[in-house]
Amino acid sequence: MNYLDHLEAEAISILREVAGQFEKPALLFSGGKDSITLVHLAKKAFRPGKFPFPLVHIDTGHNFPETITFRDQLIEELGERLIVGHVQDAIDQGKVVEQKGKNASRNPLQTVTLLETIEKNGFDACIGGARRDEEKARAKERIFSVRDEFGQWDPKRQRPELWNIFNGKIQKGENVRVFPISNWTELDVWNYIKRENIEIPSLYFAHERDCVYRSGQWMTADPSLNLDHEDKIERKQVRFRTIGDMTCTAAVESDKDDIDGVIQEISESRISERGARMDDKVSEAAMEDRKKGGYF
């Protein structure tokens, strides 16, 4: 077995552990490479049977159109259940207030919709594609991460996971966030995608796109960015290392249009994957603050 075999085996065993320990798990699906990898691992873990959980997507309304198209095609191919929570519904109901200004983003508003979706469906475990190498707050997570009845994360309540023994026992109202690929790196994910020939959205490969320069980053020139006369739209050859809301996900200039080129570029890069996420630049502890509030 090579190292990818070991990572794959660990992730599959964690997915099966979730199915065995929890009554109503769900797999949070963003349409990005990490959640797509989780879907592939779930196929290996549970096929030819159905998944023991639905896929859940929290739609900000400002997602890349390519992401939504890919999501719908994948769900049709899988024949699995998809639950979509809409941030727009929370805005319309006055549960959250949309930010104003040029750098406004709906990304922080996802938390309310996520927690409502969890409560409405009674999910006791939510599987996600977060990895420890992405960001220092995520490096603090255990693979089974307990959240209280308000969906909040307390790093002091993290449970030991000696010898890969996972404790999923929770009180009524609590839930667990589960990270099967927590020990993977960005490069591991790409090497696995290459080995398994996993289809991913075209956004990850170099393409021409209308962009605007904001805070030292190239952003998609979309009306959701509240464009004004100061914004100069330029045609750029770019790709995305991570995919989220268009208002917080920056592109990187690149000519890498195939998976080998992407792997080479990542291997040589000195900038982290989350370096292109504007929501992580709000403060030094931006991610940890969001996680404590219920963010995934």
Foldseek 3Di string as FASTA:
>chain_A
DDPLVVLLVQLLVLLVVCLVPFDAEEEEDAQKLLSLVSVVSQCVNDPPDARSYAYEYEAAVQFDPLSVVSVVVVCVVRVGHYHYFYLVVCCVVVVDPFDDDLLTDCVLSSQVSVLVVCVVRVHQEYEYRDALVQAVLLVLADQWFKAALQLFGDSVPHDDQPPNDDDSDDDPSIHTYGHSNHHPALLSSLVVCVVVVRDGGQLQFWDKAWWWADPNFTAGPDCVSVDDPVTDIDIATWHALTGDRRSFAGTDGDNGGDSVSSSVCVVPDPDHNCNRGNQCVPDVCSPVVSNRNNDD
